Amino acid sequence: MSTTLHINSTNIIIDEFTNYIENKSIAAFSKDSPNNRCIYLLTEFKERKYGIESLNHFGGLFDSAIIALINVYLRKSRDDFPSLRFRDYVALLLYSPILFIYFLFSVTNYIALNFLRKKVSNPLAKFLLKQHKLIYFHMRYLGLKAHLKYADAAMSSHELIMPGYDDELGSDGKALKFLGVIYPEFNKQNVIKQLMIDKKLFFEITGTVTQYRKKWLKKINFQITLRGLNNIFGRCKALPFSVLASGEKIERAAFSLHPPQTRNWKYCSSMRIYRALEIDHNLPILTKNFAQNPIEDVCFLMKDWNSLAAFYELFFNREAMIGFVEPKIEAYNEIVKQHNNDLVEALKKRLNIC
């Protein structure tokens, strides 16, 4: 791991690309010498909705309108992002009626509340805060688009990421070379030793706590109450990454819930599942198995509310918990070690390493 690029070496770069200084450094580094090679690790999904393309763009027409607006602004404001195109102006023009209605309502509401002497946020500040996620992922999208031409090859963290990049070109001017998916491997002994230690009997959701995920928290809390289990199970908690990163000492759950971000979400969150077992030491619970990644089979799939009895058993019977998790981790590690060995061989072949 390094915070700097190493000359005459192969550097594996995770696709963030929002930092202006780092973007300029990568471009200069890649142009400086043919021996300065970059392999990109792609971690997000490139999606097109209603004619608008961005990373993790799973929203509707309104989200497309917002992205069309920030796309023009960001392309015009930063020279490390791709240049503005005629089609970007056309897309913004087509979405302008939606944006006009949105901003007209926001400004009117702001003026009315000010007239009534009520406390109200500045419309622009409120817009930036509310649309922070869309803006952030589109910055990543534009940064990646501008720098793919410096990539000697690419890897991904999910099986379904690369199909979105089939039309991209790499540093040799040809189709971007895809080496394979990199899979995290579990330290089985560490997972078994730490799992549920010092944890409480409740469910937590970490990461992006969407409205859909909040509904799942409410569902579980209701079912716990309905079954008279309040004196056994604690109430579900939402723990966004901002809370976890604050350093504040908080109670952590024995079980982490991993529903999709929205009802129509198309992909499993493989890295969140890995983090739950390896880092947070709780058992991941799925509400849907996408059958996209072998790590999904390590989890407990909650098919109905009778699973609450099984969670009780796994929490209080450590032998049962180990008997459930250990063979699943062993099976997963066997699968992904072979995949990772194949990836390393493809990397060595690409870089002409004997």
Protein backbone atom coordinates (compact mmCIF):
# COMPACT_ATOMS: atom_id res chain seq x y z
CA MET A 1 0.00 0.00 0.00
CA SER A 2 1.33 3.41 -0.93
CA THR A 3 0.18 7.03 -1.14
CA THR A 4 2.54 7.68 -4.06
CA LEU A 5 3.08 6.25 -7.53
CA HIS A 6 6.26 4.22 -8.07
CA ILE A 7 8.27 4.76 -11.26
CA ASN A 8 9.31 1.82 -13.46
CA SER A 9 6.73 -0.27 -11.63
CA THR A 10 3.22 -1.62 -11.96
CA ASN A 11 0.79 0.39 -9.83
CA ILE A 12 -2.69 -0.94 -9.03
CA ILE A 13 -5.05 2.01 -8.65
CA ILE A 14 -8.54 1.82 -7.14
CA ASP A 15 -11.03 3.88 -9.17
CA GLU A 16 -11.72 6.99 -7.10
CA PHE A 17 -10.49 9.79 -9.39
CA THR A 18 -12.15 12.76 -7.66
CA ASN A 19 -8.94 14.39 -6.39
CA TYR A 20 -7.65 17.00 -8.86
CA ILE A 21 -4.01 16.78 -7.76
CA GLU A 22 -3.96 12.97 -7.82
CA ASN A 23 -5.65 12.90 -11.23
CA LYS A 24 -3.00 15.21 -12.66
CA SER A 25 -0.27 13.07 -11.07
CA ILE A 26 -1.64 9.85 -12.62
CA ALA A 27 -1.83 11.47 -16.08
CA ALA A 28 1.73 12.83 -15.86
CA PHE A 29 3.03 9.56 -14.44
CA SER A 30 1.46 7.51 -17.23
CA LYS A 31 2.85 9.78 -19.94
CA ASP A 32 6.34 9.97 -18.42
CA SER A 33 7.62 6.49 -19.25
CA PRO A 34 6.36 3.28 -20.88
CA ASN A 35 7.70 1.45 -17.82
CA ASN A 36 5.26 3.31 -15.56
CA ARG A 37 2.27 0.97 -15.75
CA CYS A 38 -1.16 1.32 -14.17
CA ILE A 39 -3.72 -1.42 -13.58
CA TYR A 40 -7.12 -0.08 -12.54
CA LEU A 41 -9.30 -1.86 -10.01
CA LEU A 42 -12.90 -1.01 -10.92
CA THR A 43 -15.35 -1.15 -8.03
CA GLU A 44 -18.52 0.63 -9.20
CA PHE A 45 -21.16 -0.06 -11.84
CA LYS A 46 -21.41 2.11 -14.96
CA GLU A 47 -25.13 2.50 -15.64
CA ARG A 48 -27.15 4.38 -18.28
CA LYS A 49 -30.70 5.49 -17.44
CA TYR A 50 -32.86 7.70 -19.66
CA GLY A 51 -29.87 8.59 -21.84
CA ILE A 52 -27.64 9.65 -18.92
CA GLU A 53 -24.58 7.65 -17.89
CA SER A 54 -22.85 7.67 -14.50
CA LEU A 55 -21.59 5.34 -11.80
CA ASN A 56 -24.24 3.56 -9.71
CA HIS A 57 -27.00 5.46 -11.50
CA PHE A 58 -29.99 3.38 -10.44
CA GLY A 59 -32.42 6.26 -9.98
CA GLY A 60 -35.26 7.55 -12.09
CA LEU A 61 -35.95 10.47 -14.43
CA PHE A 62 -35.30 13.12 -11.78
CA ASP A 63 -31.87 11.71 -10.92
CA SER A 64 -31.02 11.71 -14.63
CA ALA A 65 -31.98 15.39 -14.80
CA ILE A 66 -29.73 16.25 -11.85
CA ILE A 67 -26.81 14.32 -13.35
CA ALA A 68 -27.31 16.08 -16.70
CA LEU A 69 -26.94 19.41 -14.89
CA ILE A 70 -23.89 18.54 -12.80
CA ASN A 71 -22.30 16.82 -15.80
CA VAL A 72 -22.18 20.11 -17.73
CA TYR A 73 -20.96 22.05 -14.68
CA LEU A 74 -18.18 19.59 -13.79
CA ARG A 75 -16.94 19.13 -17.36
CA LYS A 76 -16.78 22.92 -17.74
CA SER A 77 -15.15 23.55 -14.35
CA ARG A 78 -12.34 20.97 -14.28
CA ASP A 79 -9.67 20.29 -16.88
CA ASP A 80 -8.89 16.85 -15.40
CA PHE A 81 -12.36 15.71 -16.48
CA PRO A 82 -13.45 15.06 -20.10
CA SER A 83 -14.28 18.14 -22.18
CA LEU A 84 -17.82 19.33 -22.74
CA ARG A 85 -19.56 17.89 -25.80
CA PHE A 86 -22.50 19.14 -27.81
CA ARG A 87 -24.52 16.14 -26.64
CA ASP A 88 -24.05 17.23 -22.99
CA TYR A 89 -25.74 20.56 -23.73
CA VAL A 90 -28.53 18.77 -25.60
CA ALA A 91 -29.14 16.41 -22.67
CA LEU A 92 -29.30 19.34 -20.26
CA LEU A 93 -31.71 21.18 -22.55
CA LEU A 94 -34.01 18.14 -22.74
CA TYR A 95 -34.07 17.85 -18.94
CA SER A 96 -34.42 21.61 -18.33
CA PRO A 97 -38.23 21.53 -17.78
CA ILE A 98 -37.81 19.09 -14.89
CA LEU A 99 -34.98 21.14 -13.42
CA PHE A 100 -36.93 24.39 -13.84
CA ILE A 101 -39.90 23.02 -11.89
CA TYR A 102 -37.62 21.66 -9.16
CA PHE A 103 -35.67 24.89 -8.64
CA LEU A 104 -38.76 27.07 -8.98
CA PHE A 105 -40.42 25.13 -6.16
CA SER A 106 -37.25 25.25 -4.02
CA VAL A 107 -36.77 29.02 -4.41
CA THR A 108 -40.48 29.75 -3.91
CA ASN A 109 -40.51 27.66 -0.75
CA TYR A 110 -37.38 29.45 0.51
CA ILE A 111 -38.87 32.92 -0.10
CA ALA A 112 -42.20 31.98 1.49
CA LEU A 113 -40.61 30.57 4.63
CA ASN A 114 -38.33 33.59 4.94
CA PHE A 115 -41.35 35.86 4.62
CA LEU A 116 -42.97 33.95 7.48
CA ARG A 117 -39.70 34.35 9.43
CA LYS A 118 -39.18 30.62 9.70
CA LYS A 119 -35.76 29.03 9.76
CA VAL A 120 -34.92 27.56 6.38
CA SER A 121 -31.77 26.33 4.65
CA ASN A 122 -30.26 28.08 1.65
CA PRO A 123 -31.66 26.36 -1.49
CA LEU A 124 -28.22 25.84 -3.03
CA ALA A 125 -26.75 24.41 0.17
CA LYS A 126 -29.78 22.16 0.56
CA PHE A 127 -29.46 20.99 -3.05
CA LEU A 128 -25.75 20.15 -2.68
CA LEU A 129 -26.37 18.27 0.56
CA LYS A 130 -29.34 16.31 -0.81
CA GLN A 131 -27.66 15.44 -4.11
CA HIS A 132 -24.21 14.79 -2.61
CA LYS A 133 -24.21 11.10 -3.57
CA LEU A 134 -25.15 11.74 -7.21
CA ILE A 135 -22.50 14.47 -7.47
CA TYR A 136 -19.82 12.31 -5.86
CA PHE A 137 -20.39 9.29 -8.09
CA HIS A 138 -20.53 11.43 -11.23
CA MET A 139 -17.21 13.02 -10.26
CA ARG A 140 -15.81 9.52 -9.99
CA TYR A 141 -17.35 8.64 -13.35
CA LEU A 142 -15.83 11.64 -15.12
CA GLY A 143 -12.43 11.13 -13.49
CA LEU A 144 -12.40 7.48 -14.52
CA LYS A 145 -13.52 8.29 -18.09
CA ALA A 146 -10.66 10.77 -18.42
CA HIS A 147 -8.04 8.33 -17.14
CA LEU A 148 -9.01 5.00 -18.69
CA LYS A 149 -6.74 5.87 -21.61
CA TYR A 150 -3.79 5.47 -19.22
CA ALA A 151 -4.83 2.00 -18.03
CA ASP A 152 -2.67 -0.92 -19.14
CA ALA A 153 -5.42 -3.28 -17.98
CA ALA A 154 -8.28 -3.49 -15.50
CA MET A 155 -9.58 -5.76 -12.77
CA SER A 156 -12.90 -5.54 -10.96
CA SER A 157 -14.37 -6.32 -7.54
CA HIS A 158 -17.63 -7.73 -8.95
CA GLU A 159 -18.50 -10.08 -11.78
CA LEU A 160 -20.96 -7.68 -13.43
CA ILE A 161 -18.87 -4.49 -13.43
CA MET A 162 -16.81 -5.03 -16.59
CA PRO A 163 -19.70 -5.44 -19.09
CA GLY A 164 -20.29 -1.71 -18.69
CA TYR A 165 -16.75 -0.99 -19.91
CA ASP A 166 -16.81 -3.07 -23.09
CA ASP A 167 -16.61 0.05 -25.25
CA GLU A 168 -13.67 1.64 -23.40
CA LEU A 169 -10.10 1.83 -24.74
CA GLY A 170 -6.91 1.31 -22.75
CA SER A 171 -3.40 2.77 -23.02
CA ASP A 172 -2.65 0.83 -26.22
CA GLY A 173 -5.64 2.33 -28.01
CA LYS A 174 -7.36 -1.05 -28.10
CA ALA A 175 -10.28 -2.43 -26.09
CA LEU A 176 -9.53 -2.21 -22.39
CA LYS A 177 -7.95 -5.51 -21.31
CA PHE A 178 -9.86 -7.20 -18.50
CA LEU A 179 -7.78 -9.50 -16.29
CA GLY A 180 -10.52 -10.82 -14.02
CA VAL A 181 -12.31 -10.35 -10.70
CA ILE A 182 -10.31 -10.04 -7.49
CA TYR A 183 -11.95 -11.82 -4.57
CA PRO A 184 -11.21 -11.12 -0.89
CA GLU A 185 -10.14 -14.26 0.97
CA PHE A 186 -11.19 -14.90 4.56
CA ASN A 187 -8.81 -15.58 7.41
CA LYS A 188 -10.95 -18.48 8.60
CA GLN A 189 -9.35 -18.88 12.02
CA ASN A 190 -9.65 -15.17 12.77
CA VAL A 191 -13.29 -15.04 11.65
CA ILE A 192 -14.28 -18.04 13.79
CA LYS A 193 -12.38 -16.73 16.80
CA GLN A 194 -13.84 -13.20 16.67
CA LEU A 195 -17.34 -13.80 15.31
CA MET A 196 -20.03 -12.32 17.64
CA ILE A 197 -17.52 -11.79 20.45
CA ASP A 198 -18.64 -8.80 22.59
CA LYS A 199 -21.67 -8.33 20.37
CA LYS A 200 -25.30 -7.82 21.36
CA LEU A 201 -28.32 -9.69 20.03
CA PHE A 202 -29.75 -7.28 17.50
CA PHE A 203 -29.42 -6.38 13.80
CA GLU A 204 -27.47 -3.48 12.29
CA ILE A 205 -27.31 -2.00 8.81
CA THR A 206 -24.08 -0.26 7.87
CA GLY A 207 -23.06 1.82 4.87
CA THR A 208 -25.66 3.64 2.82
CA VAL A 209 -28.89 3.60 4.85
CA THR A 210 -31.53 4.12 2.15
CA GLN A 211 -35.28 4.44 2.70
CA TYR A 212 -35.70 0.85 1.51
CA ARG A 213 -33.22 -0.40 4.08
CA LYS A 214 -34.93 1.64 6.79
CA LYS A 215 -38.15 -0.16 5.90
CA TRP A 216 -36.41 -3.46 6.55
CA LEU A 217 -35.34 -2.26 9.99
CA LYS A 218 -38.95 -1.38 10.78
CA LYS A 219 -40.17 -4.76 9.49
CA ILE A 220 -37.79 -6.67 11.75
CA ASN A 221 -38.59 -4.53 14.78
CA PHE A 222 -42.30 -5.16 14.18
CA GLN A 223 -41.81 -8.93 13.83
CA ILE A 224 -39.75 -9.04 17.01
CA THR A 225 -42.56 -7.25 18.85
CA LEU A 226 -45.23 -9.44 17.24
CA ARG A 227 -43.48 -12.59 18.47
CA GLY A 228 -42.94 -11.24 21.99
CA LEU A 229 -39.14 -11.28 21.64
CA ASN A 230 -38.47 -7.71 22.82
CA ASN A 231 -36.88 -8.98 26.01
CA ILE A 232 -34.40 -11.05 23.94
CA PHE A 233 -33.64 -9.05 20.81
CA GLY A 234 -32.55 -5.42 20.87
CA ARG A 235 -33.98 -2.95 18.37
CA CYS A 236 -32.36 -2.77 14.94
CA LYS A 237 -29.91 0.08 14.36
CA ALA A 238 -28.73 1.99 11.31
CA LEU A 239 -25.00 2.69 11.45
CA PRO A 240 -23.90 4.80 8.47
CA PHE A 241 -20.17 4.84 7.70
CA SER A 242 -20.00 8.39 9.08
CA VAL A 243 -21.02 7.05 12.51
CA LEU A 244 -18.54 4.17 12.36
CA ALA A 245 -15.73 6.51 11.27
CA SER A 246 -16.40 8.97 14.10
CA GLY A 247 -14.51 6.83 16.62
CA GLU A 248 -17.43 7.00 19.02
CA LYS A 249 -17.78 3.88 21.18
CA ILE A 250 -21.02 2.20 20.20
CA GLU A 251 -22.63 -1.19 20.72
CA ARG A 252 -22.29 -3.48 17.72
CA ALA A 253 -24.71 -6.18 16.64
CA ALA A 254 -24.19 -9.92 16.34
CA PHE A 255 -25.99 -9.82 12.98
CA SER A 256 -25.67 -7.38 10.09
CA LEU A 257 -28.58 -7.03 7.68
CA HIS A 258 -27.77 -6.70 3.96
CA PRO A 259 -30.90 -5.91 1.96
CA PRO A 260 -30.44 -4.29 -1.48
CA GLN A 261 -30.28 -0.48 -1.47
CA THR A 262 -33.63 -0.30 -3.30
CA ARG A 263 -36.36 -2.75 -4.25
CA ASN A 264 -35.07 -2.89 -7.84
CA TRP A 265 -31.35 -2.98 -6.96
CA LYS A 266 -29.54 -5.33 -9.36
CA TYR A 267 -26.31 -6.26 -7.60
CA CYS A 268 -25.08 -7.93 -4.42
CA SER A 269 -22.80 -5.94 -2.10
CA SER A 270 -19.93 -8.41 -1.88
CA MET A 271 -17.47 -6.09 -0.12
CA ARG A 272 -20.01 -5.18 2.58
CA ILE A 273 -20.52 -8.90 3.24
CA TYR A 274 -16.77 -9.46 3.49
CA ARG A 275 -16.37 -6.52 5.86
CA ALA A 276 -19.13 -7.83 8.12
CA LEU A 277 -17.33 -11.13 8.77
CA GLU A 278 -13.67 -10.12 8.55
CA ILE A 279 -13.74 -6.65 10.11
CA ASP A 280 -16.99 -6.14 12.04
CA HIS A 281 -17.16 -9.77 13.26
CA ASN A 282 -20.90 -10.19 12.83
CA LEU A 283 -22.89 -12.65 10.76
CA PRO A 284 -24.29 -11.18 7.52
CA ILE A 285 -27.97 -11.76 6.83
CA LEU A 286 -29.29 -11.52 3.27
CA THR A 287 -32.87 -10.81 2.26
CA LYS A 288 -32.08 -11.79 -1.35
CA ASN A 289 -29.43 -14.01 -2.94
CA PHE A 290 -28.50 -12.58 -6.35
CA ALA A 291 -26.36 -15.66 -7.18
CA GLN A 292 -23.66 -13.33 -8.53
CA ASN A 293 -20.77 -13.93 -6.13
CA PRO A 294 -19.79 -17.03 -4.09
CA ILE A 295 -19.58 -14.86 -0.97
CA GLU A 296 -23.39 -14.71 -0.94
CA ASP A 297 -23.46 -18.39 0.03
CA VAL A 298 -21.47 -17.65 3.20
CA CYS A 299 -24.39 -15.63 4.56
CA PHE A 300 -27.63 -16.63 6.25
CA LEU A 301 -30.51 -16.16 3.80
CA MET A 302 -33.61 -14.99 5.67
CA LYS A 303 -36.52 -16.64 3.83
CA ASP A 304 -39.22 -15.90 6.39
CA TRP A 305 -39.69 -14.53 9.91
CA ASN A 306 -39.28 -17.97 11.49
CA SER A 307 -35.57 -17.30 10.98
CA LEU A 308 -35.66 -15.26 14.21
CA ALA A 309 -35.59 -18.54 16.13
CA ALA A 310 -32.50 -19.62 14.16
CA PHE A 311 -30.74 -16.33 14.97
CA TYR A 312 -31.45 -16.91 18.66
CA GLU A 313 -29.91 -20.39 18.39
CA LEU A 314 -26.80 -19.17 16.55
CA PHE A 315 -26.21 -16.41 19.07
CA PHE A 316 -26.50 -18.52 22.24
CA ASN A 317 -25.09 -21.79 20.86
CA ARG A 318 -21.54 -21.09 19.72
CA GLU A 319 -21.03 -24.65 18.51
CA ALA A 320 -24.06 -24.30 16.21
CA MET A 321 -22.79 -20.94 14.96
CA ILE A 322 -19.35 -22.36 14.12
CA GLY A 323 -20.95 -25.39 12.50
CA PHE A 324 -22.96 -23.03 10.29
CA VAL A 325 -20.17 -20.62 9.29
CA GLU A 326 -16.99 -22.69 9.12
CA PRO A 327 -17.86 -25.01 6.19
CA LYS A 328 -19.26 -22.07 4.23
CA ILE A 329 -16.03 -20.09 4.62
CA GLU A 330 -13.94 -23.12 3.68
CA ALA A 331 -15.99 -23.69 0.52
CA TYR A 332 -15.80 -20.01 -0.41
CA ASN A 333 -12.02 -19.80 0.10
CA GLU A 334 -11.44 -22.87 -2.09
CA ILE A 335 -13.41 -21.29 -4.93
CA VAL A 336 -11.87 -17.84 -4.80
CA LYS A 337 -8.27 -18.93 -4.29
CA GLN A 338 -8.37 -20.58 -7.70
CA HIS A 339 -9.96 -17.48 -9.24
CA ASN A 340 -7.32 -15.26 -7.65
CA ASN A 341 -4.51 -17.55 -8.83
CA ASP A 342 -5.88 -17.25 -12.37
CA LEU A 343 -6.01 -13.47 -11.99
CA VAL A 344 -2.37 -13.31 -10.87
CA GLU A 345 -1.31 -15.42 -13.84
CA ALA A 346 -3.24 -13.14 -16.20
CA LEU A 347 -1.56 -10.11 -14.60
CA LYS A 348 1.90 -11.64 -14.98
CA LYS A 349 1.20 -12.53 -18.60
CA ARG A 350 -0.05 -9.01 -19.36
CA LEU A 351 3.10 -7.50 -17.86
CA ASN A 352 5.46 -10.12 -19.34
CA ILE A 353 6.59 -11.29 -15.92
CA CYS A 354 8.06 -14.82 -15.86
